[in-house]
N, C-alpha and C. Protein backbone atom coordinates (compact mmCIF):
# COMPACT_ATOMS: atom_id res chain seq x y z
N MET A 1 41.83 5.74 -16.52
CA MET A 1 40.65 5.66 -15.89
C MET A 1 40.48 5.50 -14.47
N ALA A 2 39.74 5.99 -13.64
CA ALA A 2 39.78 5.74 -12.16
C ALA A 2 39.27 3.92 -11.89
N LYS A 3 40.08 3.91 -10.87
CA LYS A 3 39.55 2.50 -10.23
C LYS A 3 38.85 2.79 -9.13
N LYS A 4 37.50 1.83 -9.30
CA LYS A 4 36.38 1.61 -8.69
C LYS A 4 36.82 1.25 -7.32
N LYS A 5 36.48 1.82 -6.16
CA LYS A 5 36.87 0.96 -4.81
C LYS A 5 36.26 0.06 -4.22
N ALA A 6 35.97 -0.71 -3.84
CA ALA A 6 35.53 -2.11 -3.30
C ALA A 6 34.47 -1.49 -2.14
N ILE A 7 33.25 -2.10 -1.84
CA ILE A 7 32.58 -1.47 -1.20
C ILE A 7 32.31 -2.89 -0.43
N ALA A 8 32.90 -2.28 1.24
CA ALA A 8 32.88 -3.76 1.92
C ALA A 8 31.47 -3.78 2.58
N LYS A 9 30.89 -5.26 2.22
CA LYS A 9 29.46 -5.31 2.43
C LYS A 9 29.24 -5.41 4.43
N GLU A 10 28.78 -4.72 4.85
CA GLU A 10 28.82 -4.37 6.67
C GLU A 10 27.69 -5.39 7.14
N LYS A 11 27.63 -6.11 7.92
CA LYS A 11 26.49 -6.80 8.56
C LYS A 11 25.82 -5.69 9.25
N ALA A 12 24.17 -5.82 9.25
CA ALA A 12 23.29 -4.79 9.66
C ALA A 12 23.10 -5.43 11.05
N LYS A 13 22.84 -4.46 12.11
CA LYS A 13 22.62 -4.68 13.34
C LYS A 13 20.90 -5.18 13.37
N ILE A 14 20.77 -6.52 13.94
CA ILE A 14 19.40 -6.81 14.24
C ILE A 14 19.08 -7.29 15.84
N ASN A 15 18.48 -7.32 15.66
CA ASN A 15 17.42 -8.03 17.58
C ASN A 15 18.07 -9.20 17.30
N PRO A 16 18.81 -9.69 18.99
CA PRO A 16 18.48 -11.06 18.57
C PRO A 16 17.78 -11.96 18.50
N ASP A 17 16.85 -11.57 18.70
CA ASP A 17 15.48 -12.75 18.46
C ASP A 17 15.58 -12.69 17.46
N LEU A 18 15.77 -12.24 16.45
CA LEU A 18 15.30 -12.34 14.70
C LEU A 18 17.05 -12.78 14.05
N GLU A 19 17.97 -13.46 14.85
CA GLU A 19 19.40 -13.99 14.52
C GLU A 19 19.04 -14.88 13.35
N GLY A 20 19.70 -15.26 12.60
CA GLY A 20 19.66 -15.63 11.29
C GLY A 20 18.80 -15.48 10.10
N LEU A 21 18.49 -14.10 10.37
CA LEU A 21 16.86 -13.95 8.99
C LEU A 21 17.90 -13.38 8.24
N SER A 22 17.50 -13.52 7.08
CA SER A 22 18.44 -13.21 6.02
C SER A 22 16.70 -12.59 4.91
N VAL A 23 16.96 -11.64 4.46
CA VAL A 23 16.04 -11.30 3.51
C VAL A 23 16.87 -11.15 1.45
N ASN A 24 16.08 -11.44 0.95
CA ASN A 24 16.33 -11.25 -0.58
C ASN A 24 15.37 -11.34 -1.14
N ILE A 25 15.76 -11.13 -2.26
CA ILE A 25 14.72 -10.77 -3.94
C ILE A 25 15.18 -11.30 -4.62
N ASN A 26 14.50 -12.07 -5.42
CA ASN A 26 14.81 -13.17 -6.40
C ASN A 26 14.95 -12.58 -7.62
N SER A 27 14.65 -13.61 -9.16
CA SER A 27 14.94 -12.52 -10.41
C SER A 27 13.65 -12.15 -10.57
N LEU A 28 12.79 -13.13 -10.11
CA LEU A 28 11.19 -12.43 -10.20
C LEU A 28 10.54 -11.77 -9.65
N GLY A 29 11.12 -10.86 -8.84
CA GLY A 29 10.86 -10.01 -8.09
C GLY A 29 10.38 -10.29 -6.31
N GLU A 30 10.73 -11.69 -6.31
CA GLU A 30 9.81 -11.84 -5.11
C GLU A 30 10.33 -12.18 -3.77
N VAL A 31 9.91 -11.66 -2.77
CA VAL A 31 10.98 -11.78 -1.37
C VAL A 31 11.07 -13.11 -0.48
N VAL A 32 12.46 -13.43 -0.91
CA VAL A 32 12.73 -14.43 0.46
C VAL A 32 13.11 -14.30 1.09
N THR A 33 12.61 -15.39 2.39
CA THR A 33 13.14 -14.94 4.02
C THR A 33 13.57 -16.45 4.18
N SER A 34 14.48 -16.47 5.20
CA SER A 34 15.17 -17.62 6.28
C SER A 34 13.78 -17.67 7.17
N TYR A 35 13.37 -16.67 7.41
CA TYR A 35 12.55 -16.63 8.82
C TYR A 35 10.90 -16.80 8.22
N ASP A 36 10.24 -17.80 9.20
CA ASP A 36 8.91 -18.17 8.09
C ASP A 36 8.21 -16.90 8.69
N ILE A 37 7.39 -16.04 7.60
CA ILE A 37 6.44 -14.90 7.65
C ILE A 37 5.47 -14.72 9.05
N ASP A 38 5.09 -15.70 9.32
CA ASP A 38 3.98 -15.60 10.59
C ASP A 38 5.06 -15.11 11.76
N LYS A 39 5.87 -16.37 11.91
CA LYS A 39 7.44 -15.54 13.48
C LYS A 39 7.30 -14.44 13.03
N LEU A 40 7.72 -13.95 11.98
CA LEU A 40 8.08 -12.72 11.72
C LEU A 40 7.25 -11.11 11.45
N ASN A 41 5.97 -11.60 11.62
CA ASN A 41 4.74 -10.83 11.74
C ASN A 41 4.61 -10.47 13.17
N GLN A 42 4.43 -11.73 13.55
CA GLN A 42 4.50 -11.96 15.63
C GLN A 42 5.63 -11.12 15.99
N PHE A 43 6.71 -10.81 15.32
CA PHE A 43 7.81 -9.90 16.06
C PHE A 43 7.59 -8.41 16.17
N LEU A 44 7.15 -8.33 14.66
CA LEU A 44 6.93 -6.96 14.52
C LEU A 44 5.49 -6.11 14.74
N ASN A 45 4.92 -7.11 15.21
CA ASN A 45 3.33 -6.86 16.01
C ASN A 45 3.46 -6.67 17.84
N ASP A 46 4.82 -7.32 18.12
CA ASP A 46 5.00 -7.24 19.37
C ASP A 46 5.94 -6.34 20.17
N ASN A 47 6.34 -5.58 18.76
CA ASN A 47 8.01 -4.78 18.68
C ASN A 47 7.78 -3.27 18.19
N VAL A 48 7.00 -3.42 17.72
CA VAL A 48 6.61 -2.50 16.23
C VAL A 48 5.99 -1.42 16.55
N ASP A 49 5.92 0.13 17.11
CA ASP A 49 4.93 0.43 17.18
C ASP A 49 4.23 0.95 16.06
N ASP A 50 2.88 0.98 15.67
CA ASP A 50 2.42 1.68 14.41
C ASP A 50 1.80 2.78 14.63
N LYS A 51 2.10 3.81 14.15
CA LYS A 51 1.41 5.15 14.45
C LYS A 51 -0.09 5.07 13.72
N LYS A 52 -0.23 4.71 13.11
CA LYS A 52 -1.73 4.68 12.27
C LYS A 52 -2.69 4.30 13.86
N LEU A 53 -2.12 3.30 13.91
CA LEU A 53 -3.07 2.11 14.91
C LEU A 53 -2.88 2.76 16.13
N ARG A 54 -2.17 3.73 16.60
CA ARG A 54 -1.87 4.00 18.18
C ARG A 54 -3.16 4.68 18.89
N ASP A 55 -3.98 5.47 18.43
CA ASP A 55 -5.18 5.92 18.73
C ASP A 55 -6.63 5.35 18.76
N ARG A 56 -6.26 4.52 18.06
CA ARG A 56 -7.51 3.52 17.79
C ARG A 56 -7.84 3.23 19.02
N LYS A 57 -9.39 3.08 18.82
CA LYS A 57 -9.93 2.18 20.40
C LYS A 57 -10.89 1.20 19.28
N ASP A 58 -10.30 0.04 19.75
CA ASP A 58 -10.84 -1.39 19.49
C ASP A 58 -11.37 -1.67 20.81
N GLU A 59 -12.64 -2.18 20.53
CA GLU A 59 -13.30 -3.27 21.69
C GLU A 59 -12.39 -4.68 21.69
N GLU A 60 -12.07 -5.05 23.08
CA GLU A 60 -11.35 -5.60 23.39
C GLU A 60 -11.95 -7.27 22.83
N PRO A 61 -11.02 -8.04 22.84
CA PRO A 61 -12.01 -9.32 22.12
C PRO A 61 -12.04 -10.09 23.14
N PRO A 62 -13.17 -10.39 22.87
CA PRO A 62 -14.21 -11.05 24.16
C PRO A 62 -13.24 -12.19 24.89
N ALA A 63 -13.41 -12.76 25.96
CA ALA A 63 -12.82 -13.53 26.92
C ALA A 63 -12.98 -15.14 26.43
N LYS A 64 -11.52 -15.78 26.31
CA LYS A 64 -12.35 -17.26 26.14
C LYS A 64 -12.97 -18.02 26.89
N LYS A 65 -13.78 -19.17 26.43
CA LYS A 65 -14.57 -19.62 27.13
C LYS A 65 -13.60 -21.11 27.45
N PRO A 66 -13.82 -21.28 28.95
CA PRO A 66 -12.93 -22.78 29.34
C PRO A 66 -13.35 -23.61 28.67
N LYS A 67 -12.45 -24.60 27.93
CA LYS A 67 -12.57 -25.46 27.61
C LYS A 67 -13.30 -26.61 28.55
N THR A 68 -14.40 -27.72 27.72
CA THR A 68 -15.17 -28.12 28.76
C THR A 68 -14.33 -29.67 28.52
N PRO A 69 -13.87 -30.94 29.26
CA PRO A 69 -13.44 -31.89 28.81
C PRO A 69 -14.73 -32.90 28.07
N LYS A 70 -14.04 -33.69 26.83
CA LYS A 70 -14.81 -34.38 25.85
C LYS A 70 -15.19 -35.66 26.63
N LYS A 71 -16.33 -36.11 27.03
CA LYS A 71 -16.81 -37.30 27.18
C LYS A 71 -16.83 -38.91 26.79
């Protein structure tokens, strides 16, 4: 029988902002990450162009009112 060659696992190139990110799938099929999901979503919103939303014309969010000091 032919011997199988060992496959060297290369580390993926990653953005420096996501240094230390690891994504795994456990035995139940759940995605487990080493990063907070909210931080990951914010990074994707800032850096990835969503072609489905590219031509979308939404109203700009209303301006925030200045906070008034409490008495």
